């Protein structure tokens, strides 16, 4: 299991400027297009990311507790989300899982813009 936390844009928390994947250290992936659109500098990004890290850790403890992460090497990994807007968070999750050598990564989402679905189809198996 991986936990991914969206880092929302100022004033628009559902629009991902970045995403954080749990780990030591956590992986952080920026949505450059949104970062540029909001003209966010490195300091502003650090503040936004730092604000989300405690929630990421809280969720990791709730879902995983103190158990060691399970290995997905050679297994099918399924990522589920209730909906996708920009695709940033999902792309980060796919890339993070692929670094753990699964047999395949399957994405399950009920709703997303067609162009984002096409992008995700290229990322997932």
C-alpha atoms as a PDB file:
ATOM      1  CA  UNK A   1       0.000   0.000   0.000  1.00  0.00           C
ATOM      2  CA  UNK A   2       1.116   3.508  -0.714  1.00  0.00           C
ATOM      3  CA  UNK A   3      -0.414   6.711   0.522  1.00  0.00           C
ATOM      4  CA  UNK A   4      -0.462   9.696  -1.813  1.00  0.00           C
ATOM      5  CA  UNK A   5      -1.462  13.163  -0.666  1.00  0.00           C
ATOM      6  CA  UNK A   6      -2.443  15.895  -3.063  1.00  0.00           C
ATOM      7  CA  UNK A   7      -0.918  19.332  -2.496  1.00  0.00           C
ATOM      8  CA  UNK A   8      -3.623  21.767  -3.525  1.00  0.00           C
ATOM      9  CA  UNK A   9      -3.197  25.129  -5.183  1.00  0.00           C
ATOM     10  CA  UNK A  10      -3.680  28.247  -3.056  1.00  0.00           C
ATOM     11  CA  UNK A  11      -7.395  29.006  -2.965  1.00  0.00           C
ATOM     12  CA  UNK A  12      -8.175  25.854  -4.963  1.00  0.00           C
ATOM     13  CA  UNK A  13      -7.322  22.799  -2.835  1.00  0.00           C
ATOM     14  CA  UNK A  14      -8.728  20.311  -5.367  1.00  0.00           C
ATOM     15  CA  UNK A  15      -6.278  21.455  -8.060  1.00  0.00           C
ATOM     16  CA  UNK A  16      -3.015  19.585  -7.531  1.00  0.00           C
ATOM     17  CA  UNK A  17       0.178  21.611  -7.724  1.00  0.00           C
ATOM     18  CA  UNK A  18       2.055  18.575  -6.445  1.00  0.00           C
ATOM     19  CA  UNK A  19       1.635  15.220  -4.780  1.00  0.00           C
ATOM     20  CA  UNK A  20       3.541  13.517  -1.974  1.00  0.00           C
ATOM     21  CA  UNK A  21       4.036   9.750  -1.741  1.00  0.00           C
ATOM     22  CA  UNK A  22       4.775   8.262   1.662  1.00  0.00           C
ATOM     23  CA  UNK A  23       8.250   6.888   2.118  1.00  0.00           C
ATOM     24  CA  UNK A  24      11.541   7.695   3.715  1.00  0.00           C
ATOM     25  CA  UNK A  25      12.114  10.200   2.296  1.00  0.00           C
ATOM     26  CA  UNK A  26       8.728  10.940   0.733  1.00  0.00           C
ATOM     27  CA  UNK A  27       8.589  11.352  -3.046  1.00  0.00           C
ATOM     28  CA  UNK A  28       7.347  14.734  -4.216  1.00  0.00           C
ATOM     29  CA  UNK A  29       6.234  15.313  -7.785  1.00  0.00           C
ATOM     30  CA  UNK A  30       5.287  18.750  -9.051  1.00  0.00           C
ATOM     31  CA  UNK A  31       2.635  19.575 -11.610  1.00  0.00           C
ATOM     32  CA  UNK A  32       4.825  22.120 -13.417  1.00  0.00           C
ATOM     33  CA  UNK A  33       1.975  23.505 -15.495  1.00  0.00           C
ATOM     34  CA  UNK A  34      -0.059  24.394 -12.396  1.00  0.00           C
ATOM     35  CA  UNK A  35       2.994  25.641 -10.483  1.00  0.00           C
ATOM     36  CA  UNK A  36       3.748  28.022 -13.353  1.00  0.00           C
ATOM     37  CA  UNK A  37       0.113  29.091 -13.729  1.00  0.00           C
ATOM     38  CA  UNK A  38       0.058  30.100 -10.051  1.00  0.00           C
ATOM     39  CA  UNK A  39       3.592  31.567 -10.257  1.00  0.00           C
ATOM     40  CA  UNK A  40       4.620  29.636  -7.148  1.00  0.00           C
ATOM     41  CA  UNK A  41       8.225  29.967  -6.050  1.00  0.00           C
ATOM     42  CA  UNK A  42      10.235  27.336  -4.154  1.00  0.00           C
ATOM     43  CA  UNK A  43       9.435  28.839  -0.745  1.00  0.00           C
ATOM     44  CA  UNK A  44       5.696  28.853  -1.442  1.00  0.00           C
ATOM     45  CA  UNK A  45       5.872  25.248  -2.629  1.00  0.00           C
ATOM     46  CA  UNK A  46       7.776  24.200   0.500  1.00  0.00           C
ATOM     47  CA  UNK A  47       5.066  25.753   2.686  1.00  0.00           C
ATOM     48  CA  UNK A  48       2.243  24.049   0.761  1.00  0.00           C
ATOM     49  CA  UNK A  49       4.024  20.687   0.890  1.00  0.00           C
ATOM     50  CA  UNK A  50       4.902  21.005   4.580  1.00  0.00           C
ATOM     51  CA  UNK A  51       1.246  21.685   5.361  1.00  0.00           C
ATOM     52  CA  UNK A  52       0.211  18.317   3.846  1.00  0.00           C
ATOM     53  CA  UNK A  53       2.923  16.102   5.333  1.00  0.00           C
ATOM     54  CA  UNK A  54       1.282  15.624   8.765  1.00  0.00           C
ATOM     55  CA  UNK A  55      -1.926  14.384   7.111  1.00  0.00           C
ATOM     56  CA  UNK A  56       0.067  11.990   4.947  1.00  0.00           C
ATOM     57  CA  UNK A  57       1.738  10.550   8.046  1.00  0.00           C
ATOM     58  CA  UNK A  58      -1.560  10.383   9.950  1.00  0.00           C
ATOM     59  CA  UNK A  59      -3.144   8.379   7.148  1.00  0.00           C
ATOM     60  CA  UNK A  60      -0.145   6.066   6.911  1.00  0.00           C
ATOM     61  CA  UNK A  61      -0.449   5.283  10.609  1.00  0.00           C
ATOM     62  CA  UNK A  62      -4.219   4.746  10.376  1.00  0.00           C
ATOM     63  CA  UNK A  63      -4.054   2.445   7.350  1.00  0.00           C
ATOM     64  CA  UNK A  64      -0.759   0.678   7.939  1.00  0.00           C
ATOM     65  CA  UNK A  65       0.032   1.187  11.608  1.00  0.00           C
ATOM     66  CA  UNK A  66       3.478   0.006  12.586  1.00  0.00           C
ATOM     67  CA  UNK A  67       3.415  -2.916  10.135  1.00  0.00           C
ATOM     68  CA  UNK A  68       6.150  -3.073   7.538  1.00  0.00           C
ATOM     69  CA  UNK A  69       5.016  -2.240   3.994  1.00  0.00           C
ATOM     70  CA  UNK A  70       4.011  -5.254   1.909  1.00  0.00           C
ATOM     71  CA  UNK A  71       6.101  -6.134  -1.107  1.00  0.00           C
ATOM     72  CA  UNK A  72       4.327  -5.803  -4.452  1.00  0.00           C
ATOM     73  CA  UNK A  73       7.216  -7.163  -6.478  1.00  0.00           C
ATOM     74  CA  UNK A  74       5.784  -9.381  -9.200  1.00  0.00           C
ATOM     75  CA  UNK A  75       2.190  -8.771  -8.117  1.00  0.00           C
ATOM     76  CA  UNK A  76      -0.710  -6.845  -9.630  1.00  0.00           C
ATOM     77  CA  UNK A  77      -1.117  -3.446  -7.983  1.00  0.00           C
ATOM     78  CA  UNK A  78      -4.523  -1.769  -8.149  1.00  0.00           C
ATOM     79  CA  UNK A  79      -4.872   1.955  -7.535  1.00  0.00           C
ATOM     80  CA  UNK A  80      -8.359   3.221  -6.722  1.00  0.00           C
ATOM     81  CA  UNK A  81      -9.474   6.848  -6.643  1.00  0.00           C
ATOM     82  CA  UNK A  82     -12.955   8.334  -6.408  1.00  0.00           C
ATOM     83  CA  UNK A  83     -12.289  10.687  -9.307  1.00  0.00           C
ATOM     84  CA  UNK A  84      -9.508  12.434 -11.153  1.00  0.00           C
ATOM     85  CA  UNK A  85      -9.267  16.055 -12.284  1.00  0.00           C
ATOM     86  CA  UNK A  86      -5.683  16.868 -13.320  1.00  0.00           C
ATOM     87  CA  UNK A  87      -4.320  13.339 -12.957  1.00  0.00           C
ATOM     88  CA  UNK A  88      -1.273  14.528 -11.014  1.00  0.00           C
ATOM     89  CA  UNK A  89      -1.950  12.507  -7.884  1.00  0.00           C
ATOM     90  CA  UNK A  90      -2.741   9.370  -9.869  1.00  0.00           C
ATOM     91  CA  UNK A  91       0.376   9.726 -12.039  1.00  0.00           C
ATOM     92  CA  UNK A  92       2.503  10.033  -8.916  1.00  0.00           C
ATOM     93  CA  UNK A  93       0.903   6.912  -7.454  1.00  0.00           C
ATOM     94  CA  UNK A  94       1.487   4.946 -10.667  1.00  0.00           C
ATOM     95  CA  UNK A  95       5.131   6.001 -10.880  1.00  0.00           C
ATOM     96  CA  UNK A  96       5.745   5.268  -7.203  1.00  0.00           C
ATOM     97  CA  UNK A  97       4.276   1.782  -7.538  1.00  0.00           C
ATOM     98  CA  UNK A  98       6.213   1.023 -10.719  1.00  0.00           C
ATOM     99  CA  UNK A  99       9.464   1.710  -8.850  1.00  0.00           C
ATOM    100  CA  UNK A 100       8.487  -1.214  -6.602  1.00  0.00           C
ATOM    101  CA  UNK A 101       8.487  -3.679  -9.544  1.00  0.00           C
ATOM    102  CA  UNK A 102       4.905  -4.932  -9.721  1.00  0.00           C
ATOM    103  CA  UNK A 103       3.850  -7.292 -12.499  1.00  0.00           C
ATOM    104  CA  UNK A 104       1.310  -4.679 -13.577  1.00  0.00           C
ATOM    105  CA  UNK A 105      -0.402  -1.517 -12.352  1.00  0.00           C
ATOM    106  CA  UNK A 106      -4.167  -1.259 -12.812  1.00  0.00           C
ATOM    107  CA  UNK A 107      -6.007   2.041 -12.311  1.00  0.00           C
ATOM    108  CA  UNK A 108      -9.679   2.126 -11.259  1.00  0.00           C
ATOM    109  CA  UNK A 109     -11.488   5.471 -11.389  1.00  0.00           C
ATOM    110  CA  UNK A 110     -15.156   6.195 -12.052  1.00  0.00           C
ATOM    111  CA  UNK A 111     -14.754   9.633 -13.609  1.00  0.00           C
ATOM    112  CA  UNK A 112     -12.020  11.690 -15.276  1.00  0.00           C
ATOM    113  CA  UNK A 113     -11.632  14.064 -18.217  1.00  0.00           C
ATOM    114  CA  UNK A 114     -11.021  12.167 -21.493  1.00  0.00           C
ATOM    115  CA  UNK A 115      -7.607  13.750 -22.082  1.00  0.00           C
ATOM    116  CA  UNK A 116      -6.480  12.793 -18.575  1.00  0.00           C
ATOM    117  CA  UNK A 117      -7.731   9.224 -19.089  1.00  0.00           C
ATOM    118  CA  UNK A 118      -5.574   9.000 -22.203  1.00  0.00           C
ATOM    119  CA  UNK A 119      -2.525  10.209 -20.250  1.00  0.00           C
ATOM    120  CA  UNK A 120      -3.175   7.740 -17.431  1.00  0.00           C
ATOM    121  CA  UNK A 121      -3.602   4.894 -19.917  1.00  0.00           C
ATOM    122  CA  UNK A 122      -0.047   5.543 -21.086  1.00  0.00           C
ATOM    123  CA  UNK A 123       1.268   5.473 -17.502  1.00  0.00           C
ATOM    124  CA  UNK A 124      -0.592   2.388 -16.240  1.00  0.00           C
ATOM    125  CA  UNK A 125      -0.565  -1.126 -17.628  1.00  0.00           C
END
